[in-house]
């Protein structure tokens, strides 16, 4: 229908673009949800224990608080227990979509029978072991190899290090002295751009993604379509939560099709999410909200 509307309007006014014709989602200052009662008050009736629910979650900063080293992250005990209960419910489909490498995020979450997406969705593995891997062109693979080498040679110093995830990378500078951070992270970003990769600001880190039309948003849509079919918006409710700029891709494409939550302390942050959670600890309340409807 949207395509037909655009064609008709284009015939009347060929100077109008698709973006001008069909209203695209815009970032906004999202209303805040700070506790379990806020979920119930702001989203009455959104969850139905007799209907299918897809829960798509980021890991670092969402399921687990940010740590000074990725190897040290750990989900809070209560959150982890509720997550395991939710994962076992027959009406709930759970997927974790992370910037980490696939095997890494599987190890961290350690729940069998759910879907995992690593490298911002470039690698997806389903509960039965089948996979979907976004195949990068040979030139991009060569550029990636050369980019990793140059980053290691020039900016892996003063406490900073390169996390090589095979198809994307993260440059961590949390432990770099304050007076050196800007210089090193700016040089790291320049190196990434030199090889055609997209540097994104993360928590005390730069994430470099390949120049392809695939991200957490595309991965989320692909996962939902593969699981529930083309008409998934009509048959399943969706909850998405994340804390980073890379999660905004999923929040954007799910706008109006589900409910998304951006974890951020900044009260004025612009986001595609429907709601803002002021701290990671509120994720436990989000999972409680789901569990009260489906598990209790």
Protein backbone atom coordinates (compact mmCIF):
# COMPACT_ATOMS: atom_id res chain seq x y z
CA UNK A 1 0.00 0.00 0.00
CA UNK A 2 2.81 2.44 0.86
CA UNK A 3 4.40 1.78 -2.54
CA UNK A 4 1.09 2.42 -4.35
CA UNK A 5 0.56 5.68 -2.44
CA UNK A 6 4.05 6.84 -3.39
CA UNK A 7 3.51 6.04 -7.09
CA UNK A 8 0.24 7.99 -7.18
CA UNK A 9 1.76 11.01 -5.41
CA UNK A 10 4.89 10.83 -7.60
CA UNK A 11 2.73 11.01 -10.74
CA UNK A 12 1.15 14.17 -9.36
CA UNK A 13 4.43 15.67 -8.10
CA UNK A 14 7.58 13.92 -9.45
CA UNK A 15 9.85 16.26 -7.47
CA UNK A 16 8.93 14.63 -4.15
CA UNK A 17 11.19 11.94 -2.71
CA UNK A 18 10.07 8.74 -1.03
CA UNK A 19 11.21 10.14 2.33
CA UNK A 20 9.07 13.24 1.79
CA UNK A 21 6.05 11.19 0.73
CA UNK A 22 6.14 8.47 3.38
CA UNK A 23 6.82 9.80 6.87
CA UNK A 24 10.01 8.22 8.18
CA UNK A 25 10.65 7.70 11.90
CA UNK A 26 12.39 10.57 13.63
CA UNK A 27 14.47 10.56 16.79
CA UNK A 28 12.91 12.18 19.82
CA UNK A 29 13.30 12.57 23.57
CA UNK A 30 11.56 9.42 24.75
CA UNK A 31 9.43 9.21 27.91
CA UNK A 32 11.23 7.54 30.79
CA UNK A 33 10.37 4.27 32.49
CA UNK A 34 12.17 3.87 35.81
CA UNK A 35 10.52 0.87 37.52
CA UNK A 36 8.10 -2.03 37.17
CA UNK A 37 5.06 0.13 37.90
CA UNK A 38 6.03 2.46 35.05
CA UNK A 39 5.99 -0.45 32.58
CA UNK A 40 2.51 -1.44 33.70
CA UNK A 41 1.25 2.16 33.65
CA UNK A 42 2.72 3.11 30.27
CA UNK A 43 2.07 -0.13 28.40
CA UNK A 44 -1.29 -1.45 29.61
CA UNK A 45 -2.46 -4.43 27.58
CA UNK A 46 0.59 -4.57 25.30
CA UNK A 47 1.52 -8.02 26.60
CA UNK A 48 -0.92 -10.91 26.41
CA UNK A 49 0.05 -14.23 27.93
CA UNK A 50 -1.91 -16.08 25.25
CA UNK A 51 -0.14 -14.38 22.34
CA UNK A 52 3.32 -14.80 20.87
CA UNK A 53 6.05 -12.45 22.04
CA UNK A 54 9.47 -11.85 20.50
CA UNK A 55 12.08 -10.44 22.89
CA UNK A 56 15.21 -9.09 21.17
CA UNK A 57 17.98 -7.84 23.45
CA UNK A 58 21.46 -6.41 23.28
CA UNK A 59 24.02 -7.81 25.73
CA UNK A 60 26.67 -5.31 26.88
CA UNK A 61 25.07 -2.44 28.77
CA UNK A 62 21.65 -4.07 28.46
CA UNK A 63 21.63 -7.58 29.89
CA UNK A 64 24.94 -6.96 31.64
CA UNK A 65 26.39 -3.73 33.01
CA UNK A 66 29.34 -2.28 31.11
CA UNK A 67 32.65 -3.51 32.52
CA UNK A 68 36.17 -2.12 32.15
CA UNK A 69 37.00 -5.24 30.11
CA UNK A 70 34.51 -7.21 27.96
CA UNK A 71 35.71 -10.46 29.56
CA UNK A 72 34.56 -9.23 32.98
CA UNK A 73 30.89 -8.60 32.17
CA UNK A 74 28.28 -10.59 34.04
CA UNK A 75 24.50 -10.49 34.15
CA UNK A 76 22.99 -9.60 37.55
CA UNK A 77 21.79 -12.73 39.36
CA UNK A 78 18.10 -11.80 39.47
CA UNK A 79 18.03 -10.67 35.84
CA UNK A 80 19.72 -13.87 34.70
CA UNK A 81 17.25 -16.05 36.59
CA UNK A 82 14.24 -14.28 35.05
CA UNK A 83 15.83 -14.42 31.58
CA UNK A 84 16.18 -18.19 31.86
CA UNK A 85 12.50 -18.52 32.82
CA UNK A 86 11.39 -16.35 29.92
CA UNK A 87 13.54 -18.30 27.47
CA UNK A 88 11.73 -21.53 28.39
CA UNK A 89 8.22 -20.20 27.80
CA UNK A 90 6.63 -21.72 24.65
CA UNK A 91 5.00 -18.44 23.60
CA UNK A 92 8.21 -16.39 23.91
CA UNK A 93 10.91 -16.22 21.25
CA UNK A 94 14.19 -14.87 22.64
CA UNK A 95 17.11 -13.55 20.62
CA UNK A 96 20.27 -11.75 21.70
CA UNK A 97 21.69 -9.36 19.10
CA UNK A 98 25.16 -8.18 20.08
CA UNK A 99 28.18 -6.40 18.70
CA UNK A 100 30.34 -9.19 20.13
CA UNK A 101 31.50 -12.11 18.05
CA UNK A 102 28.90 -14.87 17.90
CA UNK A 103 30.73 -17.45 20.00
CA UNK A 104 31.62 -14.79 22.54
CA UNK A 105 28.04 -13.64 23.16
CA UNK A 106 26.85 -17.27 23.29
CA UNK A 107 29.41 -17.94 26.00
CA UNK A 108 28.40 -14.86 27.97
CA UNK A 109 24.64 -15.47 27.91
CA UNK A 110 24.88 -19.27 28.03
CA UNK A 111 21.22 -20.10 27.39
CA UNK A 112 20.43 -23.00 25.08
CA UNK A 113 17.47 -22.99 22.71
CA UNK A 114 17.54 -19.30 21.76
CA UNK A 115 18.75 -17.36 18.73
CA UNK A 116 22.04 -15.47 18.82
CA UNK A 117 23.27 -12.76 16.47
CA UNK A 118 26.88 -11.58 16.71
CA UNK A 119 28.89 -8.84 15.02
CA UNK A 120 25.86 -6.55 14.90
CA UNK A 121 23.85 -9.26 13.15
CA UNK A 122 26.41 -10.29 10.52
CA UNK A 123 26.40 -13.80 12.03
CA UNK A 124 23.18 -15.45 13.19
CA UNK A 125 22.79 -18.89 14.72
CA UNK A 126 19.46 -20.54 15.44
CA UNK A 127 18.67 -23.05 18.22
CA UNK A 128 19.02 -25.99 15.81
CA UNK A 129 22.58 -24.94 14.92
CA UNK A 130 21.75 -23.59 11.47
CA UNK A 131 23.30 -20.24 10.56
CA UNK A 132 22.95 -17.16 8.44
CA UNK A 133 26.21 -15.38 7.71
CA UNK A 134 26.33 -12.14 5.78
CA UNK A 135 29.03 -12.79 3.19
CA UNK A 136 31.39 -9.86 2.86
CA UNK A 137 32.96 -9.12 -0.54
CA UNK A 138 36.62 -10.15 -0.92
CA UNK A 139 37.79 -6.52 -1.11
CA UNK A 140 36.15 -5.67 2.21
CA UNK A 141 37.75 -8.74 3.81
CA UNK A 142 41.17 -7.61 2.58
CA UNK A 143 40.55 -4.10 3.87
CA UNK A 144 39.53 -5.51 7.22
CA UNK A 145 42.75 -7.50 7.57
CA UNK A 146 44.86 -4.46 6.67
CA UNK A 147 42.84 -2.22 8.99
CA UNK A 148 43.35 -4.52 11.97
CA UNK A 149 47.08 -4.60 11.32
CA UNK A 150 47.40 -0.81 11.08
CA UNK A 151 45.32 -0.25 14.20
CA UNK A 152 47.45 -2.70 16.16
CA UNK A 153 50.63 -1.06 14.87
CA UNK A 154 49.62 2.56 15.52
CA UNK A 155 47.05 2.81 18.33
CA UNK A 156 47.25 -0.39 20.36
CA UNK A 157 49.19 1.29 23.17
CA UNK A 158 48.76 3.20 26.44
CA UNK A 159 46.20 0.68 27.68
CA UNK A 160 44.16 0.64 24.47
CA UNK A 161 43.64 -2.56 22.49
CA UNK A 162 41.93 -3.93 19.40
CA UNK A 163 39.24 -6.58 19.73
CA UNK A 164 39.30 -8.47 16.41
CA UNK A 165 35.90 -10.10 15.79
CA UNK A 166 36.69 -11.45 12.32
CA UNK A 167 34.29 -9.21 10.39
CA UNK A 168 34.05 -6.20 12.67
CA UNK A 169 36.19 -4.83 15.49
CA UNK A 170 36.10 -2.76 18.63
CA UNK A 171 38.90 -0.39 19.65
CA UNK A 172 38.87 -0.19 23.46
CA UNK A 173 40.50 2.83 25.10
CA UNK A 174 38.86 2.86 28.56
CA UNK A 175 42.23 2.33 30.29
CA UNK A 176 44.08 4.95 28.25
CA UNK A 177 45.18 8.05 30.21
CA UNK A 178 42.62 10.84 29.84
CA UNK A 179 45.04 13.24 28.18
CA UNK A 180 45.75 10.70 25.39
CA UNK A 181 42.24 9.38 24.72
CA UNK A 182 41.08 11.95 22.17
CA UNK A 183 44.22 11.72 20.07
CA UNK A 184 44.20 7.92 19.97
CA UNK A 185 40.49 7.43 19.36
CA UNK A 186 40.49 10.08 16.61
CA UNK A 187 43.41 8.36 14.89
CA UNK A 188 41.66 4.99 15.26
CA UNK A 189 38.53 6.42 13.63
CA UNK A 190 40.60 7.87 10.78
CA UNK A 191 42.22 4.50 10.16
CA UNK A 192 38.83 2.79 10.08
CA UNK A 193 37.46 5.30 7.58
CA UNK A 194 40.61 4.96 5.48
CA UNK A 195 39.69 1.32 4.84
CA UNK A 196 36.03 2.10 4.22
CA UNK A 197 34.74 0.93 7.60
CA UNK A 198 32.25 2.88 9.69
CA UNK A 199 33.50 3.95 13.12
CA UNK A 200 30.74 4.31 15.71
CA UNK A 201 31.19 5.75 19.18
CA UNK A 202 30.48 3.23 21.94
CA UNK A 203 31.17 3.23 25.68
CA UNK A 204 34.86 4.17 25.91
CA UNK A 205 35.34 2.39 22.58
CA UNK A 206 35.10 2.75 18.81
CA UNK A 207 33.18 0.06 16.95
CA UNK A 208 34.08 -0.39 13.29
CA UNK A 209 31.48 -2.01 11.04
CA UNK A 210 31.91 -2.98 7.38
CA UNK A 211 30.37 -0.76 4.67
CA UNK A 212 27.41 -3.01 3.93
CA UNK A 213 23.66 -2.50 4.25
CA UNK A 214 23.36 -4.79 7.26
CA UNK A 215 23.07 -3.86 10.91
CA UNK A 216 21.11 -4.76 14.03
CA UNK A 217 17.95 -3.42 12.44
CA UNK A 218 18.26 -5.53 9.30
CA UNK A 219 19.18 -8.53 11.47
CA UNK A 220 16.14 -8.02 13.70
CA UNK A 221 13.79 -7.88 10.72
CA UNK A 222 15.43 -10.94 9.15
CA UNK A 223 15.17 -12.96 12.38
CA UNK A 224 11.51 -12.04 12.87
CA UNK A 225 10.62 -12.84 9.27
CA UNK A 226 12.43 -16.20 9.37
CA UNK A 227 10.70 -17.17 12.61
CA UNK A 228 7.18 -15.83 12.10
CA UNK A 229 6.82 -15.22 8.35
CA UNK A 230 6.17 -12.10 6.29
CA UNK A 231 3.11 -11.11 8.30
CA UNK A 232 4.91 -11.18 11.65
CA UNK A 233 3.75 -7.64 12.62
CA UNK A 234 0.19 -8.98 12.68
CA UNK A 235 0.90 -12.13 14.68
CA UNK A 236 3.56 -11.31 17.28
CA UNK A 237 4.32 -8.54 19.78
CA UNK A 238 7.94 -7.39 19.87
CA UNK A 239 10.11 -5.99 22.67
CA UNK A 240 13.60 -4.69 21.90
CA UNK A 241 16.12 -3.17 24.31
CA UNK A 242 19.60 -1.75 23.82
CA UNK A 243 21.94 0.90 25.15
CA UNK A 244 24.12 2.00 22.26
CA UNK A 245 24.06 3.90 18.98
CA UNK A 246 24.24 0.61 17.06
CA UNK A 247 20.97 -0.44 18.71
CA UNK A 248 19.24 2.58 17.21
CA UNK A 249 19.12 0.77 13.85
CA UNK A 250 16.78 -1.81 15.39
CA UNK A 251 14.78 0.81 17.26
CA UNK A 252 14.25 2.70 14.01
CA UNK A 253 12.95 -0.22 11.94
CA UNK A 254 10.75 -1.50 14.78
CA UNK A 255 9.11 1.89 15.38
CA UNK A 256 5.38 1.33 15.19
CA UNK A 257 5.83 -2.44 14.91
CA UNK A 258 6.88 -3.18 18.49
CA UNK A 259 8.08 -1.45 21.65
CA UNK A 260 11.73 -0.53 22.08
CA UNK A 261 13.70 0.75 25.03
CA UNK A 262 16.96 2.75 25.04
CA UNK A 263 19.08 2.55 28.17
CA UNK A 264 20.66 5.96 28.73
CA UNK A 265 21.32 8.28 31.66
CA UNK A 266 21.11 11.36 29.44
CA UNK A 267 17.62 12.81 29.89
CA UNK A 268 17.81 14.68 26.59
CA UNK A 269 19.20 11.91 24.40
CA UNK A 270 17.62 11.68 20.95
CA UNK A 271 16.46 8.15 20.16
CA UNK A 272 14.21 6.10 17.90
CA UNK A 273 13.13 4.08 20.94
CA UNK A 274 9.63 4.36 22.37
CA UNK A 275 10.90 4.68 25.93
CA UNK A 276 14.12 5.45 27.80
CA UNK A 277 15.39 3.40 30.76
CA UNK A 278 17.63 5.62 32.94
CA UNK A 279 19.96 2.80 34.01
CA UNK A 280 20.81 -0.81 33.20
CA UNK A 281 19.27 -2.03 36.47
CA UNK A 282 15.79 -1.23 35.10
CA UNK A 283 16.26 -4.12 32.66
CA UNK A 284 15.42 -6.43 35.57
CA UNK A 285 12.07 -4.66 35.88
CA UNK A 286 11.50 -4.99 32.13
CA UNK A 287 11.99 -8.74 32.36
CA UNK A 288 9.78 -8.87 35.49
CA UNK A 289 7.06 -7.07 33.52
CA UNK A 290 7.23 -9.80 30.88
CA UNK A 291 7.47 -12.62 33.43
CA UNK A 292 4.45 -11.41 35.38
CA UNK A 293 2.31 -11.81 32.29
CA UNK A 294 3.77 -14.98 30.81
CA UNK A 295 5.41 -16.92 33.64
CA UNK A 296 3.49 -16.12 36.82
